[in-house]
């Protein structure tokens, strides 16, 4: 009976865990400057990487200017998203 109660408690806590994860994901999304991130992608190259046969991941990777993509992320906000709340 004790194990059944514990399982029921864990199932009841799942929505809270999901809410905490969603909050952290929101912080991660806020850490990215969307405009800079878009500017880091060569759309013509990306279109060539995607076809009805699938995605050529190497071409997709090459379509991204890694330096610009890195500049679009605020690492302080990323660290904050992964920091335990006090």
PDB file of N, CA and C in Angstrom:
ATOM      1  N   UNK A   1       0.825  -1.196   0.000  1.00  0.00           N
ATOM      2  CA  UNK A   1       0.000   0.000   0.000  1.00  0.00           C
ATOM      3  C   UNK A   1       0.867   1.258   0.000  1.00  0.00           C
ATOM      4  N   UNK A   2       1.997   1.201   0.721  1.00  0.00           N
ATOM      5  CA  UNK A   2       2.874   2.355   0.808  1.00  0.00           C
ATOM      6  C   UNK A   2       3.466   2.692  -0.563  1.00  0.00           C
ATOM      7  N   UNK A   3       3.852   1.675  -1.331  1.00  0.00           N
ATOM      8  CA  UNK A   3       4.413   1.909  -2.667  1.00  0.00           C
ATOM      9  C   UNK A   3       3.359   2.514  -3.590  1.00  0.00           C
ATOM     10  N   UNK A   4       2.130   2.059  -3.482  1.00  0.00           N
ATOM     11  CA  UNK A   4       1.058   2.592  -4.317  1.00  0.00           C
ATOM     12  C   UNK A   4       0.847   4.070  -4.029  1.00  0.00           C
ATOM     13  N   UNK A   5       0.887   4.453  -2.753  1.00  0.00           N
ATOM     14  CA  UNK A   5       0.725   5.860  -2.363  1.00  0.00           C
ATOM     15  C   UNK A   5       1.872   6.701  -2.902  1.00  0.00           C
ATOM     16  N   UNK A   6       3.079   6.162  -2.853  1.00  0.00           N
ATOM     17  CA  UNK A   6       4.243   6.871  -3.361  1.00  0.00           C
ATOM     18  C   UNK A   6       4.118   7.091  -4.865  1.00  0.00           C
ATOM     19  N   UNK A   7       3.672   6.081  -5.577  1.00  0.00           N
ATOM     20  CA  UNK A   7       3.478   6.212  -7.029  1.00  0.00           C
ATOM     21  C   UNK A   7       2.424   7.268  -7.345  1.00  0.00           C
ATOM     22  N   UNK A   8       1.351   7.269  -6.587  1.00  0.00           N
ATOM     23  CA  UNK A   8       0.290   8.255  -6.780  1.00  0.00           C
ATOM     24  C   UNK A   8       0.816   9.670  -6.529  1.00  0.00           C
ATOM     25  N   UNK A   9       1.640   9.826  -5.501  1.00  0.00           N
ATOM     26  CA  UNK A   9       2.242  11.120  -5.201  1.00  0.00           C
ATOM     27  C   UNK A   9       3.151  11.571  -6.345  1.00  0.00           C
ATOM     28  N   UNK A  10       3.963  10.663  -6.862  1.00  0.00           N
ATOM     29  CA  UNK A  10       4.860  11.001  -7.967  1.00  0.00           C
ATOM     30  C   UNK A  10       4.086  11.421  -9.209  1.00  0.00           C
ATOM     31  N   UNK A  11       3.008  10.710  -9.515  1.00  0.00           N
ATOM     32  CA  UNK A  11       2.177  11.072 -10.666  1.00  0.00           C
ATOM     33  C   UNK A  11       1.553  12.448 -10.445  1.00  0.00           C
ATOM     34  N   UNK A  12       1.177  12.749  -9.224  1.00  0.00           N
ATOM     35  CA  UNK A  12       0.606  14.051  -8.909  1.00  0.00           C
ATOM     36  C   UNK A  12       1.606  15.188  -9.036  1.00  0.00           C
ATOM     37  N   UNK A  13       2.882  14.891  -8.838  1.00  0.00           N
ATOM     38  CA  UNK A  13       3.922  15.919  -8.927  1.00  0.00           C
ATOM     39  C   UNK A  13       4.405  16.167 -10.351  1.00  0.00           C
ATOM     40  N   UNK A  14       4.061  15.308 -11.282  1.00  0.00           N
ATOM     41  CA  UNK A  14       4.523  15.469 -12.664  1.00  0.00           C
ATOM     42  C   UNK A  14       4.162  16.821 -13.278  1.00  0.00           C
ATOM     43  N   UNK A  15       2.937  17.324 -13.102  1.00  0.00           N
ATOM     44  CA  UNK A  15       2.635  18.647 -13.686  1.00  0.00           C
ATOM     45  C   UNK A  15       3.528  19.760 -13.140  1.00  0.00           C
ATOM     46  N   UNK A  16       3.907  19.665 -11.866  1.00  0.00           N
ATOM     47  CA  UNK A  16       4.799  20.671 -11.288  1.00  0.00           C
ATOM     48  C   UNK A  16       6.178  20.608 -11.930  1.00  0.00           C
ATOM     49  N   UNK A  17       6.659  19.400 -12.179  1.00  0.00           N
ATOM     50  CA  UNK A  17       7.954  19.239 -12.839  1.00  0.00           C
ATOM     51  C   UNK A  17       7.893  19.809 -14.249  1.00  0.00           C
ATOM     52  N   UNK A  18       6.793  19.573 -14.932  1.00  0.00           N
ATOM     53  CA  UNK A  18       6.621  20.113 -16.283  1.00  0.00           C
ATOM     54  C   UNK A  18       6.593  21.629 -16.281  1.00  0.00           C
ATOM     55  N   UNK A  19       5.957  22.214 -15.286  1.00  0.00           N
ATOM     56  CA  UNK A  19       5.900  23.675 -15.193  1.00  0.00           C
ATOM     57  C   UNK A  19       7.285  24.261 -14.938  1.00  0.00           C
ATOM     58  N   UNK A  20       8.071  23.600 -14.088  1.00  0.00           N
ATOM     59  CA  UNK A  20       9.434  24.072 -13.820  1.00  0.00           C
ATOM     60  C   UNK A  20      10.283  23.990 -15.076  1.00  0.00           C
ATOM     61  N   UNK A  21      10.141  22.914 -15.812  1.00  0.00           N
ATOM     62  CA  UNK A  21      10.894  22.753 -17.055  1.00  0.00           C
ATOM     63  C   UNK A  21      10.481  23.816 -18.064  1.00  0.00           C
ATOM     64  N   UNK A  22       9.193  24.085 -18.154  1.00  0.00           N
ATOM     65  CA  UNK A  22       8.699  25.091 -19.094  1.00  0.00           C
ATOM     66  C   UNK A  22       9.254  26.471 -18.745  1.00  0.00           C
ATOM     67  N   UNK A  23       9.368  26.765 -17.451  1.00  0.00           N
ATOM     68  CA  UNK A  23       9.907  28.058 -17.037  1.00  0.00           C
ATOM     69  C   UNK A  23      11.359  28.175 -17.486  1.00  0.00           C
ATOM     70  N   UNK A  24      12.145  27.135 -17.293  1.00  0.00           N
ATOM     71  CA  UNK A  24      13.538  27.148 -17.721  1.00  0.00           C
ATOM     72  C   UNK A  24      13.633  27.256 -19.233  1.00  0.00           C
ATOM     73  N   UNK A  25      12.757  26.582 -19.954  1.00  0.00           N
ATOM     74  CA  UNK A  25      12.769  26.665 -21.413  1.00  0.00           C
ATOM     75  C   UNK A  25      12.444  28.091 -21.848  1.00  0.00           C
ATOM     76  N   UNK A  26      11.542  28.740 -21.146  1.00  0.00           N
ATOM     77  CA  UNK A  26      11.217  30.129 -21.449  1.00  0.00           C
ATOM     78  C   UNK A  26      12.433  31.028 -21.282  1.00  0.00           C
ATOM     79  N   UNK A  27      13.209  30.783 -20.222  1.00  0.00           N
ATOM     80  CA  UNK A  27      14.423  31.566 -20.003  1.00  0.00           C
ATOM     81  C   UNK A  27      15.436  31.307 -21.111  1.00  0.00           C
ATOM     82  N   UNK A  28      15.506  30.062 -21.564  1.00  0.00           N
ATOM     83  CA  UNK A  28      16.435  29.747 -22.651  1.00  0.00           C
ATOM     84  C   UNK A  28      16.025  30.446 -23.937  1.00  0.00           C
ATOM     85  N   UNK A  29      14.733  30.472 -24.210  1.00  0.00           N
ATOM     86  CA  UNK A  29      14.241  31.159 -25.412  1.00  0.00           C
ATOM     87  C   UNK A  29      14.564  32.648 -25.324  1.00  0.00           C
ATOM     88  N   UNK A  30      14.394  33.228 -24.130  1.00  0.00           N
ATOM     89  CA  UNK A  30      14.699  34.647 -23.939  1.00  0.00           C
ATOM     90  C   UNK A  30      16.185  34.943 -24.100  1.00  0.00           C
ATOM     91  N   UNK A  31      17.031  33.943 -23.920  1.00  0.00           N
ATOM     92  CA  UNK A  31      18.481  34.133 -24.021  1.00  0.00           C
ATOM     93  C   UNK A  31      18.948  34.297 -25.462  1.00  0.00           C
ATOM     94  N   UNK A  32      18.075  34.000 -26.417  1.00  0.00           N
ATOM     95  CA  UNK A  32      18.461  34.073 -27.834  1.00  0.00           C
ATOM     96  C   UNK A  32      17.853  35.314 -28.473  1.00  0.00           C
ATOM     97  N   UNK A  33      18.705  36.119 -29.098  1.00  0.00           N
ATOM     98  CA  UNK A  33      18.244  37.272 -29.874  1.00  0.00           C
ATOM     99  C   UNK A  33      17.756  36.710 -31.209  1.00  0.00           C
ATOM    100  N   UNK A  34      16.439  36.657 -31.375  1.00  0.00           N
ATOM    101  CA  UNK A  34      15.835  36.004 -32.538  1.00  0.00           C
ATOM    102  C   UNK A  34      16.304  36.609 -33.860  1.00  0.00           C
ATOM    103  N   UNK A  35      16.435  37.926 -33.902  1.00  0.00           N
ATOM    104  CA  UNK A  35      16.848  38.585 -35.143  1.00  0.00           C
ATOM    105  C   UNK A  35      18.276  38.199 -35.517  1.00  0.00           C
ATOM    106  N   UNK A  36      19.171  38.218 -34.535  1.00  0.00           N
ATOM    107  CA  UNK A  36      20.559  37.828 -34.800  1.00  0.00           C
ATOM    108  C   UNK A  36      20.636  36.356 -35.211  1.00  0.00           C
ATOM    109  N   UNK A  37      19.818  35.521 -34.579  1.00  0.00           N
ATOM    110  CA  UNK A  37      19.821  34.096 -34.914  1.00  0.00           C
ATOM    111  C   UNK A  37      19.367  33.889 -36.358  1.00  0.00           C
ATOM    112  N   UNK A  38      18.321  34.604 -36.765  1.00  0.00           N
ATOM    113  CA  UNK A  38      17.849  34.503 -38.155  1.00  0.00           C
ATOM    114  C   UNK A  38      18.923  34.972 -39.127  1.00  0.00           C
ATOM    115  N   UNK A  39      19.612  36.055 -38.760  1.00  0.00           N
ATOM    116  CA  UNK A  39      20.657  36.594 -39.631  1.00  0.00           C
ATOM    117  C   UNK A  39      21.847  35.649 -39.770  1.00  0.00           C
ATOM    118  N   UNK A  40      21.990  34.713 -38.850  1.00  0.00           N
ATOM    119  CA  UNK A  40      23.127  33.793 -38.902  1.00  0.00           C
ATOM    120  C   UNK A  40      22.907  32.646 -39.892  1.00  0.00           C
ATOM    121  N   UNK A  41      21.701  32.548 -40.448  1.00  0.00           N
ATOM    122  CA  UNK A  41      21.381  31.443 -41.362  1.00  0.00           C
ATOM    123  C   UNK A  41      21.308  31.945 -42.802  1.00  0.00           C
ATOM    124  N   UNK A  42      22.049  31.289 -43.689  1.00  0.00           N
ATOM    125  CA  UNK A  42      21.969  31.568 -45.126  1.00  0.00           C
ATOM    126  C   UNK A  42      20.767  30.784 -45.645  1.00  0.00           C
ATOM    127  N   UNK A  43      19.659  31.482 -45.884  1.00  0.00           N
ATOM    128  CA  UNK A  43      18.411  30.798 -46.235  1.00  0.00           C
ATOM    129  C   UNK A  43      18.504  30.043 -47.556  1.00  0.00           C
ATOM    130  N   UNK A  44      19.264  30.556 -48.509  1.00  0.00           N
ATOM    131  CA  UNK A  44      19.406  29.848 -49.789  1.00  0.00           C
ATOM    132  C   UNK A  44      20.112  28.512 -49.582  1.00  0.00           C
ATOM    133  N   UNK A  45      21.184  28.529 -48.800  1.00  0.00           N
ATOM    134  CA  UNK A  45      21.894  27.283 -48.512  1.00  0.00           C
ATOM    135  C   UNK A  45      21.002  26.323 -47.730  1.00  0.00           C
ATOM    136  N   UNK A  46      20.210  26.870 -46.799  1.00  0.00           N
ATOM    137  CA  UNK A  46      19.335  26.019 -45.991  1.00  0.00           C
ATOM    138  C   UNK A  46      18.263  25.381 -46.863  1.00  0.00           C
ATOM    139  N   UNK A  47      17.741  26.135 -47.833  1.00  0.00           N
ATOM    140  CA  UNK A  47      16.741  25.572 -48.748  1.00  0.00           C
ATOM    141  C   UNK A  47      17.335  24.426 -49.550  1.00  0.00           C
ATOM    142  N   UNK A  48      18.608  24.550 -49.938  1.00  0.00           N
ATOM    143  CA  UNK A  48      19.274  23.476 -50.676  1.00  0.00           C
ATOM    144  C   UNK A  48      19.474  22.243 -49.796  1.00  0.00           C
ATOM    145  N   UNK A  49      19.601  22.451 -48.501  1.00  0.00           N
ATOM    146  CA  UNK A  49      19.841  21.342 -47.578  1.00  0.00           C
ATOM    147  C   UNK A  49      18.586  20.509 -47.339  1.00  0.00           C
ATOM    148  N   UNK A  50      17.411  21.112 -47.571  1.00  0.00           N
ATOM    149  CA  UNK A  50      16.145  20.425 -47.300  1.00  0.00           C
ATOM    150  C   UNK A  50      15.466  20.075 -48.618  1.00  0.00           C
ATOM    151  N   UNK A  51      15.095  18.805 -48.753  1.00  0.00           N
ATOM    152  CA  UNK A  51      14.394  18.360 -49.957  1.00  0.00           C
ATOM    153  C   UNK A  51      13.327  17.349 -49.566  1.00  0.00           C
ATOM    154  N   UNK A  52      12.607  16.856 -50.555  1.00  0.00           N
ATOM    155  CA  UNK A  52      11.583  15.847 -50.278  1.00  0.00           C
ATOM    156  C   UNK A  52      12.214  14.537 -49.823  1.00  0.00           C
ATOM    157  N   UNK A  53      13.490  14.349 -50.135  1.00  0.00           N
ATOM    158  CA  UNK A  53      14.200  13.138 -49.707  1.00  0.00           C
ATOM    159  C   UNK A  53      14.654  13.217 -48.252  1.00  0.00           C
ATOM    160  N   UNK A  54      14.623  14.410 -47.683  1.00  0.00           N
ATOM    161  CA  UNK A  54      15.058  14.575 -46.296  1.00  0.00           C
ATOM    162  C   UNK A  54      15.944  15.789 -46.139  1.00  0.00           C
ATOM    163  N   UNK A  55      16.765  15.757 -45.112  1.00  0.00           N
ATOM    164  CA  UNK A  55      17.646  16.878 -44.799  1.00  0.00           C
ATOM    165  C   UNK A  55      19.092  16.434 -44.924  1.00  0.00           C
ATOM    166  N   UNK A  56      19.875  17.216 -45.657  1.00  0.00           N
ATOM    167  CA  UNK A  56      21.318  16.998 -45.710  1.00  0.00           C
ATOM    168  C   UNK A  56      21.883  17.794 -44.537  1.00  0.00           C
ATOM    169  N   UNK A  57      22.163  17.113 -43.441  1.00  0.00           N
ATOM    170  CA  UNK A  57      22.554  17.791 -42.215  1.00  0.00           C
ATOM    171  C   UNK A  57      23.879  18.539 -42.340  1.00  0.00           C
ATOM    172  N   UNK A  58      24.781  18.050 -43.157  1.00  0.00           N
ATOM    173  CA  UNK A  58      26.050  18.761 -43.350  1.00  0.00           C
ATOM    174  C   UNK A  58      25.808  20.099 -44.045  1.00  0.00           C
ATOM    175  N   UNK A  59      24.954  20.103 -45.075  1.00  0.00           N
ATOM    176  CA  UNK A  59      24.626  21.359 -45.763  1.00  0.00           C
ATOM    177  C   UNK A  59      23.893  22.311 -44.814  1.00  0.00           C
ATOM    178  N   UNK A  60      23.002  21.771 -44.010  1.00  0.00           N
ATOM    179  CA  UNK A  60      22.276  22.604 -43.048  1.00  0.00           C
ATOM    180  C   UNK A  60      23.251  23.212 -42.039  1.00  0.00           C
ATOM    181  N   UNK A  61      24.187  22.421 -41.573  1.00  0.00           N
ATOM    182  CA  UNK A  61      25.214  22.895 -40.639  1.00  0.00           C
ATOM    183  C   UNK A  61      26.046  24.003 -41.281  1.00  0.00           C
ATOM    184  N   UNK A  62      26.430  23.779 -42.535  1.00  0.00           N
ATOM    185  CA  UNK A  62      27.246  24.760 -43.254  1.00  0.00           C
ATOM    186  C   UNK A  62      26.479  26.048 -43.563  1.00  0.00           C
ATOM    187  N   UNK A  63      25.155  25.990 -43.546  1.00  0.00           N
ATOM    188  CA  UNK A  63      24.331  27.167 -43.841  1.00  0.00           C
ATOM    189  C   UNK A  63      24.293  28.156 -42.681  1.00  0.00           C
ATOM    190  N   UNK A  64      24.826  27.756 -41.535  1.00  0.00           N
ATOM    191  CA  UNK A  64      24.799  28.614 -40.349  1.00  0.00           C
ATOM    192  C   UNK A  64      26.171  29.241 -40.125  1.00  0.00           C
ATOM    193  N   UNK A  65      26.190  30.569 -39.989  1.00  0.00           N
ATOM    194  CA  UNK A  65      27.412  31.287 -39.622  1.00  0.00           C
ATOM    195  C   UNK A  65      27.563  31.110 -38.108  1.00  0.00           C
ATOM    196  N   UNK A  66      28.491  30.251 -37.715  1.00  0.00           N
ATOM    197  CA  UNK A  66      28.623  29.877 -36.302  1.00  0.00           C
ATOM    198  C   UNK A  66      28.959  31.069 -35.411  1.00  0.00           C
ATOM    199  N   UNK A  67      29.768  32.000 -35.904  1.00  0.00           N
ATOM    200  CA  UNK A  67      30.140  33.167 -35.110  1.00  0.00           C
ATOM    201  C   UNK A  67      28.919  34.046 -34.831  1.00  0.00           C
ATOM    202  N   UNK A  68      28.126  34.291 -35.867  1.00  0.00           N
ATOM    203  CA  UNK A  68      26.909  35.098 -35.692  1.00  0.00           C
ATOM    204  C   UNK A  68      25.914  34.375 -34.783  1.00  0.00           C
ATOM    205  N   UNK A  69      25.814  33.059 -34.948  1.00  0.00           N
ATOM    206  CA  UNK A  69      24.890  32.290 -34.113  1.00  0.00           C
ATOM    207  C   UNK A  69      25.310  32.371 -32.645  1.00  0.00           C
ATOM    208  N   UNK A  70      26.606  32.254 -32.389  1.00  0.00           N
ATOM    209  CA  UNK A  70      27.101  32.347 -31.012  1.00  0.00           C
ATOM    210  C   UNK A  70      26.832  33.730 -30.430  1.00  0.00           C
ATOM    211  N   UNK A  71      26.966  34.767 -31.250  1.00  0.00           N
ATOM    212  CA  UNK A  71      26.711  36.131 -30.785  1.00  0.00           C
ATOM    213  C   UNK A  71      25.238  36.370 -30.476  1.00  0.00           C
ATOM    214  N   UNK A  72      24.362  35.536 -30.990  1.00  0.00           N
ATOM    215  CA  UNK A  72      22.931  35.729 -30.760  1.00  0.00           C
ATOM    216  C   UNK A  72      22.473  35.194 -29.404  1.00  0.00           C
ATOM    217  N   UNK A  73      23.379  34.526 -28.679  1.00  0.00           N
ATOM    218  CA  UNK A  73      23.017  33.912 -27.398  1.00  0.00           C
ATOM    219  C   UNK A  73      23.639  34.689 -26.239  1.00  0.00           C
ATOM    220  N   UNK A  74      22.810  35.080 -25.275  1.00  0.00           N
ATOM    221  CA  UNK A  74      23.267  35.745 -24.057  1.00  0.00           C
ATOM    222  C   UNK A  74      23.573  34.647 -23.031  1.00  0.00           C
ATOM    223  N   UNK A  75      24.853  34.347 -22.862  1.00  0.00           N
ATOM    224  CA  UNK A  75      25.249  33.232 -22.002  1.00  0.00           C
ATOM    225  C   UNK A  75      24.898  33.466 -20.533  1.00  0.00           C
ATOM    226  N   UNK A  76      24.841  34.711 -20.091  1.00  0.00           N
ATOM    227  CA  UNK A  76      24.434  34.976 -18.707  1.00  0.00           C
ATOM    228  C   UNK A  76      22.998  34.515 -18.473  1.00  0.00           C
ATOM    229  N   UNK A  77      22.133  34.743 -19.459  1.00  0.00           N
ATOM    230  CA  UNK A  77      20.740  34.293 -19.346  1.00  0.00           C
ATOM    231  C   UNK A  77      20.653  32.769 -19.407  1.00  0.00           C
ATOM    232  N   UNK A  78      21.517  32.144 -20.202  1.00  0.00           N
ATOM    233  CA  UNK A  78      21.537  30.677 -20.267  1.00  0.00           C
ATOM    234  C   UNK A  78      21.943  30.115 -18.911  1.00  0.00           C
ATOM    235  N   UNK A  79      22.985  30.673 -18.318  1.00  0.00           N
ATOM    236  CA  UNK A  79      23.431  30.217 -16.990  1.00  0.00           C
ATOM    237  C   UNK A  79      22.319  30.394 -15.964  1.00  0.00           C
ATOM    238  N   UNK A  80      21.605  31.511 -16.059  1.00  0.00           N
ATOM    239  CA  UNK A  80      20.499  31.776 -15.140  1.00  0.00           C
ATOM    240  C   UNK A  80      19.403  30.718 -15.287  1.00  0.00           C
ATOM    241  N   UNK A  81      19.154  30.282 -16.511  1.00  0.00           N
ATOM    242  CA  UNK A  81      18.115  29.275 -16.756  1.00  0.00           C
ATOM    243  C   UNK A  81      18.476  27.943 -16.117  1.00  0.00           C
ATOM    244  N   UNK A  82      19.774  27.666 -15.994  1.00  0.00           N
ATOM    245  CA  UNK A  82      20.204  26.393 -15.426  1.00  0.00           C
ATOM    246  C   UNK A  82      20.561  26.483 -13.949  1.00  0.00           C
ATOM    247  N   UNK A  83      20.448  27.671 -13.360  1.00  0.00           N
ATOM    248  CA  UNK A  83      20.754  27.854 -11.950  1.00  0.00           C
ATOM    249  C   UNK A  83      19.536  27.486 -11.121  1.00  0.00           C
ATOM    250  N   UNK A  84      19.793  26.761 -10.051  1.00  0.00           N
ATOM    251  CA  UNK A  84      18.717  26.371  -9.140  1.00  0.00           C
ATOM    252  C   UNK A  84      18.156  27.613  -8.456  1.00  0.00           C
ATOM    253  N   UNK A  85      16.841  27.762  -8.397  1.00  0.00           N
ATOM    254  CA  UNK A  85      16.268  28.899  -7.665  1.00  0.00           C
ATOM    255  C   UNK A  85      16.537  28.743  -6.173  1.00  0.00           C
ATOM    256  N   UNK A  86      16.770  29.868  -5.515  1.00  0.00           N
ATOM    257  CA  UNK A  86      17.091  29.806  -4.075  1.00  0.00           C
ATOM    258  C   UNK A  86      15.861  29.854  -3.228  1.00  0.00           C
TER     259      UNK A  86
END
